[in-house]
């Protein structure tokens, strides 16, 4: 799995997401204003979107665009990607 090969990079992104979520919690506990809380939530959403983009791009590179992939493997990977994207944006 390509996620195993990029584990260090992906775990670092997960830690950034965790930090962003903790920042949202701190903002709420500290009773910050709506604008600041929403801005903090937007940063958290950006971090999770960046993590998802990294995994999706790796999938494309390793399962669709890599040389030597059979048409059958490429088709299966494309179908998997479609399902994942629908879940993510759904």
PDB file of N, CA and C in Angstrom:
ATOM      1  N   UNK A   1       0.820  -1.195   0.000  1.00  0.00           N
ATOM      2  CA  UNK A   1       0.000   0.000   0.000  1.00  0.00           C
ATOM      3  C   UNK A   1       0.865   1.260   0.000  1.00  0.00           C
ATOM      4  N   UNK A   2       0.500   2.212  -0.802  1.00  0.00           N
ATOM      5  CA  UNK A   2       1.305   3.436  -0.883  1.00  0.00           C
ATOM      6  C   UNK A   2       1.227   4.253   0.401  1.00  0.00           C
ATOM      7  N   UNK A   3       0.161   4.099   1.193  1.00  0.00           N
ATOM      8  CA  UNK A   3       0.088   4.848   2.452  1.00  0.00           C
ATOM      9  C   UNK A   3       1.165   4.393   3.421  1.00  0.00           C
ATOM     10  N   UNK A   4       1.574   3.144   3.338  1.00  0.00           N
ATOM     11  CA  UNK A   4       2.644   2.637   4.202  1.00  0.00           C
ATOM     12  C   UNK A   4       3.965   3.292   3.824  1.00  0.00           C
ATOM     13  N   UNK A   5       4.205   3.441   2.524  1.00  0.00           N
ATOM     14  CA  UNK A   5       5.451   4.046   2.058  1.00  0.00           C
ATOM     15  C   UNK A   5       5.548   5.525   2.435  1.00  0.00           C
ATOM     16  N   UNK A   6       4.423   6.167   2.598  1.00  0.00           N
ATOM     17  CA  UNK A   6       4.391   7.602   2.915  1.00  0.00           C
ATOM     18  C   UNK A   6       3.893   7.830   4.344  1.00  0.00           C
ATOM     19  N   UNK A   7       4.018   6.809   5.169  1.00  0.00           N
ATOM     20  CA  UNK A   7       3.462   6.861   6.518  1.00  0.00           C
ATOM     21  C   UNK A   7       3.960   8.073   7.315  1.00  0.00           C
ATOM     22  N   UNK A   8       5.246   8.332   7.285  1.00  0.00           N
ATOM     23  CA  UNK A   8       5.812   9.435   8.071  1.00  0.00           C
ATOM     24  C   UNK A   8       5.178  10.775   7.680  1.00  0.00           C
ATOM     25  N   UNK A   9       5.057  11.000   6.379  1.00  0.00           N
ATOM     26  CA  UNK A   9       4.479  12.254   5.880  1.00  0.00           C
ATOM     27  C   UNK A   9       2.992  12.348   6.243  1.00  0.00           C
ATOM     28  N   UNK A  10       2.272  11.242   6.114  1.00  0.00           N
ATOM     29  CA  UNK A  10       0.840  11.247   6.409  1.00  0.00           C
ATOM     30  C   UNK A  10       0.574  11.407   7.900  1.00  0.00           C
ATOM     31  N   UNK A  11       1.377  10.759   8.724  1.00  0.00           N
ATOM     32  CA  UNK A  11       1.214  10.903  10.180  1.00  0.00           C
ATOM     33  C   UNK A  11       1.492  12.346  10.590  1.00  0.00           C
ATOM     34  N   UNK A  12       2.464  12.988   9.963  1.00  0.00           N
ATOM     35  CA  UNK A  12       2.732  14.404  10.251  1.00  0.00           C
ATOM     36  C   UNK A  12       1.515  15.256   9.910  1.00  0.00           C
ATOM     37  N   UNK A  13       0.859  14.958   8.800  1.00  0.00           N
ATOM     38  CA  UNK A  13      -0.358  15.698   8.432  1.00  0.00           C
ATOM     39  C   UNK A  13      -1.480  15.441   9.428  1.00  0.00           C
ATOM     40  N   UNK A  14      -1.616  14.194   9.875  1.00  0.00           N
ATOM     41  CA  UNK A  14      -2.641  13.866  10.873  1.00  0.00           C
ATOM     42  C   UNK A  14      -2.383  14.661  12.154  1.00  0.00           C
ATOM     43  N   UNK A  15      -1.141  14.791  12.523  1.00  0.00           N
ATOM     44  CA  UNK A  15      -0.810  15.560  13.739  1.00  0.00           C
ATOM     45  C   UNK A  15      -1.156  17.029  13.561  1.00  0.00           C
ATOM     46  N   UNK A  16      -0.991  17.547  12.340  1.00  0.00           N
ATOM     47  CA  UNK A  16      -1.409  18.928  12.080  1.00  0.00           C
ATOM     48  C   UNK A  16      -2.921  19.063  12.213  1.00  0.00           C
ATOM     49  N   UNK A  17      -3.649  18.088  11.698  1.00  0.00           N
ATOM     50  CA  UNK A  17      -5.115  18.082  11.827  1.00  0.00           C
ATOM     51  C   UNK A  17      -5.491  18.062  13.306  1.00  0.00           C
ATOM     52  N   UNK A  18      -4.855  17.191  14.043  1.00  0.00           N
ATOM     53  CA  UNK A  18      -5.122  17.091  15.483  1.00  0.00           C
ATOM     54  C   UNK A  18      -4.878  18.433  16.173  1.00  0.00           C
ATOM     55  N   UNK A  19      -3.789  19.084  15.830  1.00  0.00           N
ATOM     56  CA  UNK A  19      -3.492  20.397  16.403  1.00  0.00           C
ATOM     57  C   UNK A  19      -4.550  21.425  16.058  1.00  0.00           C
ATOM     58  N   UNK A  20      -5.037  21.383  14.814  1.00  0.00           N
ATOM     59  CA  UNK A  20      -6.074  22.322  14.396  1.00  0.00           C
ATOM     60  C   UNK A  20      -7.378  22.067  15.154  1.00  0.00           C
ATOM     61  N   UNK A  21      -7.736  20.805  15.339  1.00  0.00           N
ATOM     62  CA  UNK A  21      -8.956  20.467  16.081  1.00  0.00           C
ATOM     63  C   UNK A  21      -8.824  20.906  17.533  1.00  0.00           C
ATOM     64  N   UNK A  22      -7.651  20.699  18.108  1.00  0.00           N
ATOM     65  CA  UNK A  22      -7.419  21.145  19.481  1.00  0.00           C
ATOM     66  C   UNK A  22      -7.508  22.667  19.590  1.00  0.00           C
ATOM     67  N   UNK A  23      -7.097  23.371  18.538  1.00  0.00           N
ATOM     68  CA  UNK A  23      -7.210  24.832  18.526  1.00  0.00           C
ATOM     69  C   UNK A  23      -8.678  25.263  18.526  1.00  0.00           C
ATOM     70  N   UNK A  24      -9.525  24.522  17.812  1.00  0.00           N
ATOM     71  CA  UNK A  24     -10.962  24.810  17.820  1.00  0.00           C
ATOM     72  C   UNK A  24     -11.490  24.629  19.241  1.00  0.00           C
ATOM     73  N   UNK A  25     -11.117  23.543  19.869  1.00  0.00           N
ATOM     74  CA  UNK A  25     -11.564  23.291  21.249  1.00  0.00           C
ATOM     75  C   UNK A  25     -11.107  24.405  22.188  1.00  0.00           C
ATOM     76  N   UNK A  26      -9.845  24.807  22.060  1.00  0.00           N
ATOM     77  CA  UNK A  26      -9.334  25.889  22.920  1.00  0.00           C
ATOM     78  C   UNK A  26     -10.082  27.193  22.683  1.00  0.00           C
ATOM     79  N   UNK A  27     -10.395  27.492  21.429  1.00  0.00           N
ATOM     80  CA  UNK A  27     -11.123  28.721  21.109  1.00  0.00           C
ATOM     81  C   UNK A  27     -12.515  28.709  21.728  1.00  0.00           C
ATOM     82  N   UNK A  28     -13.161  27.549  21.688  1.00  0.00           N
ATOM     83  CA  UNK A  28     -14.497  27.445  22.286  1.00  0.00           C
ATOM     84  C   UNK A  28     -14.435  27.551  23.813  1.00  0.00           C
ATOM     85  N   UNK A  29     -13.472  26.877  24.410  1.00  0.00           N
ATOM     86  CA  UNK A  29     -13.329  26.926  25.873  1.00  0.00           C
ATOM     87  C   UNK A  29     -13.016  28.344  26.329  1.00  0.00           C
ATOM     88  N   UNK A  30     -12.197  29.036  25.556  1.00  0.00           N
ATOM     89  CA  UNK A  30     -11.818  30.405  25.901  1.00  0.00           C
ATOM     90  C   UNK A  30     -12.896  31.421  25.524  1.00  0.00           C
ATOM     91  N   UNK A  31     -13.986  30.940  24.945  1.00  0.00           N
ATOM     92  CA  UNK A  31     -15.114  31.790  24.561  1.00  0.00           C
ATOM     93  C   UNK A  31     -14.714  32.891  23.587  1.00  0.00           C
ATOM     94  N   UNK A  32     -13.888  32.502  22.597  1.00  0.00           N
ATOM     95  CA  UNK A  32     -13.515  33.461  21.564  1.00  0.00           C
ATOM     96  C   UNK A  32     -14.741  33.790  20.722  1.00  0.00           C
ATOM     97  N   UNK A  33     -14.657  34.872  19.988  1.00  0.00           N
ATOM     98  CA  UNK A  33     -15.776  35.303  19.155  1.00  0.00           C
ATOM     99  C   UNK A  33     -16.030  34.363  17.992  1.00  0.00           C
ATOM    100  N   UNK A  34     -17.227  34.493  17.438  1.00  0.00           N
ATOM    101  CA  UNK A  34     -17.651  33.631  16.326  1.00  0.00           C
ATOM    102  C   UNK A  34     -16.669  33.664  15.165  1.00  0.00           C
ATOM    103  N   UNK A  35     -16.218  34.859  14.798  1.00  0.00           N
ATOM    104  CA  UNK A  35     -15.327  34.992  13.650  1.00  0.00           C
ATOM    105  C   UNK A  35     -14.040  34.187  13.869  1.00  0.00           C
ATOM    106  N   UNK A  36     -13.471  34.298  15.029  1.00  0.00           N
ATOM    107  CA  UNK A  36     -12.232  33.569  15.318  1.00  0.00           C
ATOM    108  C   UNK A  36     -12.468  32.060  15.354  1.00  0.00           C
ATOM    109  N   UNK A  37     -13.586  31.640  15.934  1.00  0.00           N
ATOM    110  CA  UNK A  37     -13.899  30.203  15.986  1.00  0.00           C
ATOM    111  C   UNK A  37     -14.090  29.663  14.576  1.00  0.00           C
ATOM    112  N   UNK A  38     -14.828  30.389  13.741  1.00  0.00           N
ATOM    113  CA  UNK A  38     -15.054  29.934  12.371  1.00  0.00           C
ATOM    114  C   UNK A  38     -13.742  29.905  11.598  1.00  0.00           C
ATOM    115  N   UNK A  39     -12.896  30.877  11.794  1.00  0.00           N
ATOM    116  CA  UNK A  39     -11.587  30.900  11.125  1.00  0.00           C
ATOM    117  C   UNK A  39     -10.752  29.693  11.557  1.00  0.00           C
ATOM    118  N   UNK A  40     -10.832  29.333  12.831  1.00  0.00           N
ATOM    119  CA  UNK A  40     -10.098  28.178  13.342  1.00  0.00           C
ATOM    120  C   UNK A  40     -10.669  26.878  12.772  1.00  0.00           C
ATOM    121  N   UNK A  41     -11.989  26.808  12.661  1.00  0.00           N
ATOM    122  CA  UNK A  41     -12.628  25.636  12.040  1.00  0.00           C
ATOM    123  C   UNK A  41     -12.210  25.529  10.577  1.00  0.00           C
ATOM    124  N   UNK A  42     -12.152  26.648   9.888  1.00  0.00           N
ATOM    125  CA  UNK A  42     -11.746  26.643   8.481  1.00  0.00           C
ATOM    126  C   UNK A  42     -10.309  26.127   8.340  1.00  0.00           C
ATOM    127  N   UNK A  43      -9.446  26.506   9.264  1.00  0.00           N
ATOM    128  CA  UNK A  43      -8.065  26.005   9.233  1.00  0.00           C
ATOM    129  C   UNK A  43      -8.031  24.499   9.443  1.00  0.00           C
ATOM    130  N   UNK A  44      -8.879  24.003  10.348  1.00  0.00           N
ATOM    131  CA  UNK A  44      -8.952  22.556  10.591  1.00  0.00           C
ATOM    132  C   UNK A  44      -9.464  21.831   9.347  1.00  0.00           C
ATOM    133  N   UNK A  45     -10.470  22.402   8.724  1.00  0.00           N
ATOM    134  CA  UNK A  45     -11.008  21.802   7.496  1.00  0.00           C
ATOM    135  C   UNK A  45      -9.941  21.806   6.408  1.00  0.00           C
ATOM    136  N   UNK A  46      -9.183  22.867   6.311  1.00  0.00           N
ATOM    137  CA  UNK A  46      -8.094  22.926   5.335  1.00  0.00           C
ATOM    138  C   UNK A  46      -7.056  21.847   5.589  1.00  0.00           C
ATOM    139  N   UNK A  47      -6.749  21.602   6.857  1.00  0.00           N
ATOM    140  CA  UNK A  47      -5.769  20.574   7.192  1.00  0.00           C
ATOM    141  C   UNK A  47      -6.274  19.186   6.825  1.00  0.00           C
ATOM    142  N   UNK A  48      -7.532  18.898   7.081  1.00  0.00           N
ATOM    143  CA  UNK A  48      -8.087  17.585   6.747  1.00  0.00           C
ATOM    144  C   UNK A  48      -8.203  17.430   5.228  1.00  0.00           C
ATOM    145  N   UNK A  49      -8.543  18.508   4.532  1.00  0.00           N
ATOM    146  CA  UNK A  49      -8.605  18.462   3.068  1.00  0.00           C
ATOM    147  C   UNK A  49      -7.218  18.207   2.477  1.00  0.00           C
ATOM    148  N   UNK A  50      -6.190  18.811   3.060  1.00  0.00           N
ATOM    149  CA  UNK A  50      -4.828  18.591   2.575  1.00  0.00           C
ATOM    150  C   UNK A  50      -4.401  17.138   2.791  1.00  0.00           C
ATOM    151  N   UNK A  51      -4.797  16.551   3.907  1.00  0.00           N
ATOM    152  CA  UNK A  51      -4.509  15.145   4.164  1.00  0.00           C
ATOM    153  C   UNK A  51      -5.203  14.264   3.130  1.00  0.00           C
ATOM    154  N   UNK A  52      -6.476  14.522   2.888  1.00  0.00           N
ATOM    155  CA  UNK A  52      -7.220  13.743   1.899  1.00  0.00           C
ATOM    156  C   UNK A  52      -6.611  13.906   0.507  1.00  0.00           C
ATOM    157  N   UNK A  53      -6.228  15.103   0.151  1.00  0.00           N
ATOM    158  CA  UNK A  53      -5.625  15.350  -1.159  1.00  0.00           C
ATOM    159  C   UNK A  53      -4.328  14.563  -1.311  1.00  0.00           C
ATOM    160  N   UNK A  54      -3.545  14.520  -0.261  1.00  0.00           N
ATOM    161  CA  UNK A  54      -2.286  13.772  -0.302  1.00  0.00           C
ATOM    162  C   UNK A  54      -2.539  12.291  -0.575  1.00  0.00           C
ATOM    163  N   UNK A  55      -3.498  11.711   0.127  1.00  0.00           N
ATOM    164  CA  UNK A  55      -3.815  10.287  -0.058  1.00  0.00           C
ATOM    165  C   UNK A  55      -4.395  10.054  -1.452  1.00  0.00           C
ATOM    166  N   UNK A  56      -5.292  10.930  -1.896  1.00  0.00           N
ATOM    167  CA  UNK A  56      -5.884  10.775  -3.227  1.00  0.00           C
ATOM    168  C   UNK A  56      -4.842  10.911  -4.341  1.00  0.00           C
ATOM    169  N   UNK A  57      -3.958  11.876  -4.207  1.00  0.00           N
ATOM    170  CA  UNK A  57      -2.914  12.062  -5.223  1.00  0.00           C
ATOM    171  C   UNK A  57      -1.968  10.869  -5.257  1.00  0.00           C
ATOM    172  N   UNK A  58      -1.615  10.345  -4.085  1.00  0.00           N
ATOM    173  CA  UNK A  58      -0.778   9.147  -4.044  1.00  0.00           C
ATOM    174  C   UNK A  58      -1.474   7.987  -4.737  1.00  0.00           C
ATOM    175  N   UNK A  59      -2.784   7.855  -4.520  1.00  0.00           N
ATOM    176  CA  UNK A  59      -3.549   6.792  -5.173  1.00  0.00           C
ATOM    177  C   UNK A  59      -3.462   6.949  -6.693  1.00  0.00           C
ATOM    178  N   UNK A  60      -3.663   8.150  -7.164  1.00  0.00           N
ATOM    179  CA  UNK A  60      -3.584   8.400  -8.610  1.00  0.00           C
ATOM    180  C   UNK A  60      -2.209   8.024  -9.167  1.00  0.00           C
ATOM    181  N   UNK A  61      -1.167   8.473  -8.482  1.00  0.00           N
ATOM    182  CA  UNK A  61       0.191   8.225  -8.965  1.00  0.00           C
ATOM    183  C   UNK A  61       0.550   6.742  -8.961  1.00  0.00           C
ATOM    184  N   UNK A  62       0.140   6.015  -7.936  1.00  0.00           N
ATOM    185  CA  UNK A  62       0.563   4.630  -7.781  1.00  0.00           C
ATOM    186  C   UNK A  62      -0.371   3.605  -8.431  1.00  0.00           C
ATOM    187  N   UNK A  63      -1.637   3.952  -8.600  1.00  0.00           N
ATOM    188  CA  UNK A  63      -2.592   2.965  -9.103  1.00  0.00           C
ATOM    189  C   UNK A  63      -3.190   3.305 -10.468  1.00  0.00           C
ATOM    190  N   UNK A  64      -3.003   4.526 -10.908  1.00  0.00           N
ATOM    191  CA  UNK A  64      -3.567   4.909 -12.215  1.00  0.00           C
ATOM    192  C   UNK A  64      -2.505   5.395 -13.198  1.00  0.00           C
ATOM    193  N   UNK A  65      -1.542   6.168 -12.714  1.00  0.00           N
ATOM    194  CA  UNK A  65      -0.582   6.794 -13.613  1.00  0.00           C
ATOM    195  C   UNK A  65       0.749   6.060 -13.709  1.00  0.00           C
ATOM    196  N   UNK A  66       0.996   5.136 -12.816  1.00  0.00           N
ATOM    197  CA  UNK A  66       2.285   4.438 -12.818  1.00  0.00           C
ATOM    198  C   UNK A  66       2.418   3.550 -14.056  1.00  0.00           C
ATOM    199  N   UNK A  67       3.618   3.493 -14.619  1.00  0.00           N
ATOM    200  CA  UNK A  67       3.809   2.614 -15.779  1.00  0.00           C
ATOM    201  C   UNK A  67       3.696   1.143 -15.358  1.00  0.00           C
ATOM    202  N   UNK A  68       3.287   0.320 -16.291  1.00  0.00           N
ATOM    203  CA  UNK A  68       3.235  -1.106 -16.038  1.00  0.00           C
ATOM    204  C   UNK A  68       1.958  -1.607 -15.400  1.00  0.00           C
ATOM    205  N   UNK A  69       0.992  -0.741 -15.205  1.00  0.00           N
ATOM    206  CA  UNK A  69      -0.285  -1.163 -14.621  1.00  0.00           C
ATOM    207  C   UNK A  69      -1.171  -1.681 -15.747  1.00  0.00           C
ATOM    208  N   UNK A  70      -1.753  -2.834 -15.529  1.00  0.00           N
ATOM    209  CA  UNK A  70      -2.627  -3.402 -16.556  1.00  0.00           C
ATOM    210  C   UNK A  70      -3.915  -2.587 -16.648  1.00  0.00           C
ATOM    211  N   UNK A  71      -4.580  -2.723 -17.759  1.00  0.00           N
ATOM    212  CA  UNK A  71      -5.850  -2.038 -17.944  1.00  0.00           C
ATOM    213  C   UNK A  71      -6.867  -2.449 -16.896  1.00  0.00           C
ATOM    214  N   UNK A  72      -6.857  -3.711 -16.534  1.00  0.00           N
ATOM    215  CA  UNK A  72      -7.791  -4.212 -15.516  1.00  0.00           C
ATOM    216  C   UNK A  72      -7.501  -3.589 -14.145  1.00  0.00           C
ATOM    217  N   UNK A  73      -6.213  -3.537 -13.785  1.00  0.00           N
ATOM    218  CA  UNK A  73      -5.826  -2.916 -12.508  1.00  0.00           C
ATOM    219  C   UNK A  73      -6.161  -1.428 -12.502  1.00  0.00           C
ATOM    220  N   UNK A  74      -5.903  -0.785 -13.628  1.00  0.00           N
ATOM    221  CA  UNK A  74      -6.190   0.656 -13.741  1.00  0.00           C
ATOM    222  C   UNK A  74      -7.694   0.914 -13.602  1.00  0.00           C
ATOM    223  N   UNK A  75      -8.495   0.090 -14.221  1.00  0.00           N
ATOM    224  CA  UNK A  75      -9.946   0.235 -14.136  1.00  0.00           C
ATOM    225  C   UNK A  75     -10.436   0.022 -12.705  1.00  0.00           C
ATOM    226  N   UNK A  76      -9.922  -0.980 -12.037  1.00  0.00           N
ATOM    227  CA  UNK A  76     -10.312  -1.239 -10.652  1.00  0.00           C
ATOM    228  C   UNK A  76      -9.906  -0.072  -9.755  1.00  0.00           C
ATOM    229  N   UNK A  77      -8.714   0.457  -9.967  1.00  0.00           N
ATOM    230  CA  UNK A  77      -8.243   1.590  -9.171  1.00  0.00           C
ATOM    231  C   UNK A  77      -9.084   2.830  -9.436  1.00  0.00           C
ATOM    232  N   UNK A  78      -9.482   3.034 -10.692  1.00  0.00           N
ATOM    233  CA  UNK A  78     -10.325   4.182 -11.031  1.00  0.00           C
ATOM    234  C   UNK A  78     -11.683   4.064 -10.351  1.00  0.00           C
ATOM    235  N   UNK A  79     -12.259   2.869 -10.366  1.00  0.00           N
ATOM    236  CA  UNK A  79     -13.548   2.661  -9.697  1.00  0.00           C
ATOM    237  C   UNK A  79     -13.440   2.897  -8.198  1.00  0.00           C
ATOM    238  N   UNK A  80     -12.345   2.436  -7.608  1.00  0.00           N
ATOM    239  CA  UNK A  80     -12.123   2.665  -6.178  1.00  0.00           C
ATOM    240  C   UNK A  80     -12.016   4.160  -5.892  1.00  0.00           C
ATOM    241  N   UNK A  81     -11.289   4.866  -6.728  1.00  0.00           N
ATOM    242  CA  UNK A  81     -11.120   6.306  -6.554  1.00  0.00           C
ATOM    243  C   UNK A  81     -12.451   7.039  -6.643  1.00  0.00           C
ATOM    244  N   UNK A  82     -13.286   6.643  -7.581  1.00  0.00           N
ATOM    245  CA  UNK A  82     -14.612   7.253  -7.720  1.00  0.00           C
ATOM    246  C   UNK A  82     -15.413   7.071  -6.435  1.00  0.00           C
ATOM    247  N   UNK A  83     -15.403   5.861  -5.881  1.00  0.00           N
ATOM    248  CA  UNK A  83     -16.136   5.600  -4.635  1.00  0.00           C
ATOM    249  C   UNK A  83     -15.599   6.448  -3.483  1.00  0.00           C
ATOM    250  N   UNK A  84     -14.299   6.542  -3.393  1.00  0.00           N
ATOM    251  CA  UNK A  84     -13.677   7.314  -2.312  1.00  0.00           C
ATOM    252  C   UNK A  84     -14.016   8.797  -2.440  1.00  0.00           C
ATOM    253  N   UNK A  85     -13.925   9.324  -3.645  1.00  0.00           N
ATOM    254  CA  UNK A  85     -14.242  10.742  -3.854  1.00  0.00           C
ATOM    255  C   UNK A  85     -15.704  11.017  -3.505  1.00  0.00           C
ATOM    256  N   UNK A  86     -16.584  10.131  -3.906  1.00  0.00           N
ATOM    257  CA  UNK A  86     -18.006  10.321  -3.573  1.00  0.00           C
ATOM    258  C   UNK A  86     -18.218  10.313  -2.054  1.00  0.00           C
ATOM    259  N   UNK A  87     -17.542   9.441  -1.350  1.00  0.00           N
ATOM    260  CA  UNK A  87     -17.662   9.428   0.115  1.00  0.00           C
ATOM    261  C   UNK A  87     -17.108  10.714   0.711  1.00  0.00           C
ATOM    262  N   UNK A  88     -15.999  11.175   0.169  1.00  0.00           N
ATOM    263  CA  UNK A  88     -15.340  12.350   0.739  1.00  0.00           C
ATOM    264  C   UNK A  88     -16.154  13.615   0.525  1.00  0.00           C
ATOM    265  N   UNK A  89     -16.697  13.789  -0.661  1.00  0.00           N
ATOM    266  CA  UNK A  89     -17.430  15.019  -0.941  1.00  0.00           C
ATOM    267  C   UNK A  89     -18.911  14.912  -0.615  1.00  0.00           C
ATOM    268  N   UNK A  90     -19.390  13.679  -0.454  1.00  0.00           N
ATOM    269  CA  UNK A  90     -20.809  13.411  -0.246  1.00  0.00           C
ATOM    270  C   UNK A  90     -21.365  13.946   1.003  1.00  0.00           C
TER     271      UNK A  90
END
